[in-house]
Amino acid sequence: MARICQLTGKRPIKGSKIWRSGKAKREGGIGTHVTAITKRRFFPNLQRVKALLPNGQVKYIRVAASAIKKGLVVKPPKRTWKKPETKAA
């Protein structure tokens, strides 16, 4: 399953992890130097939430936490009815 927010379209982005060695000049050293750069990916903070869709359907969707904070997700009303009891034979 793709790591994409179904509301905002946020997806993983590329980045780098930079390895440095040495002591900073402001701390009394001769400065830091980059020794290696490795590629990495930054993933969106996806959450699986039950949401009320525009067509009135209630479904689980994967959305970013930022979309939930912004109020883009409309929560469905709580169920007040109970399932009918099935009679055991």
C-alpha atoms as a PDB file:
ATOM      1  CA  MET A   1       0.000   0.000   0.000  1.00  0.00           C
ATOM      2  CA  ALA A   2       1.389   3.391  -0.965  1.00  0.00           C
ATOM      3  CA  ARG A   3       2.352   5.763   1.840  1.00  0.00           C
ATOM      4  CA  ILE A   4       0.218   8.614   0.503  1.00  0.00           C
ATOM      5  CA  CYS A   5      -2.292  10.740   2.425  1.00  0.00           C
ATOM      6  CA  GLN A   6      -5.715  10.342   0.816  1.00  0.00           C
ATOM      7  CA  LEU A   7      -6.710  13.959   1.583  1.00  0.00           C
ATOM      8  CA  THR A   8      -3.587  16.100   1.197  1.00  0.00           C
ATOM      9  CA  GLY A   9      -1.555  13.888  -1.154  1.00  0.00           C
ATOM     10  CA  LYS A  10       1.505  13.968   1.107  1.00  0.00           C
ATOM     11  CA  ARG A  11       3.990  11.271   0.151  1.00  0.00           C
ATOM     12  CA  PRO A  12       7.549  10.244   1.102  1.00  0.00           C
ATOM     13  CA  ILE A  13      10.233  12.746   0.127  1.00  0.00           C
ATOM     14  CA  LYS A  14      13.946  12.196  -0.453  1.00  0.00           C
ATOM     15  CA  GLY A  15      16.656  13.562   1.776  1.00  0.00           C
ATOM     16  CA  SER A  16      20.107  12.888   3.154  1.00  0.00           C
ATOM     17  CA  LYS A  17      21.714  11.892   6.419  1.00  0.00           C
ATOM     18  CA  ILE A  18      24.952  13.826   6.744  1.00  0.00           C
ATOM     19  CA  TRP A  19      27.763  12.350   8.874  1.00  0.00           C
ATOM     20  CA  ARG A  20      30.155  14.880  10.332  1.00  0.00           C
ATOM     21  CA  SER A  21      33.335  14.513  12.330  1.00  0.00           C
ATOM     22  CA  GLY A  22      35.417  16.994  14.256  1.00  0.00           C
ATOM     23  CA  LYS A  23      34.761  19.629  16.856  1.00  0.00           C
ATOM     24  CA  ALA A  24      32.952  22.879  16.058  1.00  0.00           C
ATOM     25  CA  LYS A  25      35.084  26.033  15.936  1.00  0.00           C
ATOM     26  CA  ARG A  26      32.898  27.773  18.499  1.00  0.00           C
ATOM     27  CA  GLU A  27      33.680  24.906  20.890  1.00  0.00           C
ATOM     28  CA  GLY A  28      37.428  25.285  20.419  1.00  0.00           C
ATOM     29  CA  GLY A  29      38.003  22.799  17.591  1.00  0.00           C
ATOM     30  CA  ILE A  30      39.234  23.201  14.031  1.00  0.00           C
ATOM     31  CA  GLY A  31      35.760  22.790  12.525  1.00  0.00           C
ATOM     32  CA  THR A  32      33.555  19.910  11.473  1.00  0.00           C
ATOM     33  CA  HIS A  33      33.943  18.051   8.186  1.00  0.00           C
ATOM     34  CA  VAL A  34      31.425  15.996   6.236  1.00  0.00           C
ATOM     35  CA  THR A  35      32.655  12.394   6.045  1.00  0.00           C
ATOM     36  CA  ALA A  36      29.674  10.684   4.389  1.00  0.00           C
ATOM     37  CA  ILE A  37      26.236  11.416   2.968  1.00  0.00           C
ATOM     38  CA  THR A  38      23.677   8.615   2.740  1.00  0.00           C
ATOM     39  CA  LYS A  39      20.281   8.817   1.072  1.00  0.00           C
ATOM     40  CA  ARG A  40      17.129   8.412   3.137  1.00  0.00           C
ATOM     41  CA  ARG A  41      13.368   8.979   2.903  1.00  0.00           C
ATOM     42  CA  PHE A  42      11.111  11.085   5.087  1.00  0.00           C
ATOM     43  CA  PHE A  43       7.684   9.456   5.529  1.00  0.00           C
ATOM     44  CA  PRO A  44       4.443  11.315   6.310  1.00  0.00           C
ATOM     45  CA  ASN A  45       2.826  10.571   9.678  1.00  0.00           C
ATOM     46  CA  LEU A  46      -0.107   8.534   8.346  1.00  0.00           C
ATOM     47  CA  GLN A  47      -2.957   7.444  10.594  1.00  0.00           C
ATOM     48  CA  ARG A  48      -5.842   5.103   9.811  1.00  0.00           C
ATOM     49  CA  VAL A  49      -9.072   6.851  10.826  1.00  0.00           C
ATOM     50  CA  LYS A  50     -12.765   6.263  10.284  1.00  0.00           C
ATOM     51  CA  ALA A  51     -14.137   9.182   8.278  1.00  0.00           C
ATOM     52  CA  LEU A  52     -17.398  10.361   6.777  1.00  0.00           C
ATOM     53  CA  LEU A  53     -16.885  10.711   3.021  1.00  0.00           C
ATOM     54  CA  PRO A  54     -18.627  13.420   0.934  1.00  0.00           C
ATOM     55  CA  ASN A  55     -21.030  10.824  -0.536  1.00  0.00           C
ATOM     56  CA  GLY A  56     -22.239   9.917   2.988  1.00  0.00           C
ATOM     57  CA  GLN A  57     -20.281   6.666   3.216  1.00  0.00           C
ATOM     58  CA  VAL A  58     -18.310   5.817   6.377  1.00  0.00           C
ATOM     59  CA  LYS A  59     -14.908   4.311   5.606  1.00  0.00           C
ATOM     60  CA  TYR A  60     -11.417   3.875   7.016  1.00  0.00           C
ATOM     61  CA  ILE A  61      -8.921   6.132   5.242  1.00  0.00           C
ATOM     62  CA  ARG A  62      -5.201   6.791   5.663  1.00  0.00           C
ATOM     63  CA  VAL A  63      -4.523  10.462   6.320  1.00  0.00           C
ATOM     64  CA  ALA A  64      -1.599  12.505   7.606  1.00  0.00           C
ATOM     65  CA  ALA A  65      -1.721  13.649  11.231  1.00  0.00           C
ATOM     66  CA  SER A  66      -1.466  17.245  10.010  1.00  0.00           C
ATOM     67  CA  ALA A  67      -4.734  16.780   8.065  1.00  0.00           C
ATOM     68  CA  ILE A  68      -6.454  15.552  11.226  1.00  0.00           C
ATOM     69  CA  LYS A  69      -5.134  18.566  13.169  1.00  0.00           C
ATOM     70  CA  LYS A  70      -6.359  20.964  10.457  1.00  0.00           C
ATOM     71  CA  GLY A  71      -9.852  19.474  10.724  1.00  0.00           C
ATOM     72  CA  LEU A  72      -9.955  18.073   7.188  1.00  0.00           C
ATOM     73  CA  VAL A  73     -11.299  14.742   8.462  1.00  0.00           C
ATOM     74  CA  VAL A  74     -15.024  14.635   9.279  1.00  0.00           C
ATOM     75  CA  LYS A  75     -15.680  12.004  11.931  1.00  0.00           C
ATOM     76  CA  PRO A  76     -18.837   9.899  11.552  1.00  0.00           C
ATOM     77  CA  PRO A  77     -21.570  10.100  14.218  1.00  0.00           C
ATOM     78  CA  LYS A  78     -21.422   7.523  17.003  1.00  0.00           C
ATOM     79  CA  ARG A  79     -23.614   4.465  16.596  1.00  0.00           C
ATOM     80  CA  THR A  80     -26.618   4.516  18.935  1.00  0.00           C
ATOM     81  CA  TRP A  81     -28.356   1.332  17.764  1.00  0.00           C
ATOM     82  CA  LYS A  82     -27.357  -2.158  18.765  1.00  0.00           C
ATOM     83  CA  LYS A  83     -27.089  -5.202  16.562  1.00  0.00           C
ATOM     84  CA  PRO A  84     -30.142  -7.480  16.757  1.00  0.00           C
ATOM     85  CA  GLU A  85     -29.530 -10.538  18.863  1.00  0.00           C
ATOM     86  CA  THR A  86     -29.463 -13.824  16.971  1.00  0.00           C
ATOM     87  CA  LYS A  87     -31.256 -16.701  18.644  1.00  0.00           C
ATOM     88  CA  ALA A  88     -29.081 -19.749  19.296  1.00  0.00           C
ATOM     89  CA  ALA A  89     -30.707 -23.040  18.395  1.00  0.00           C
END
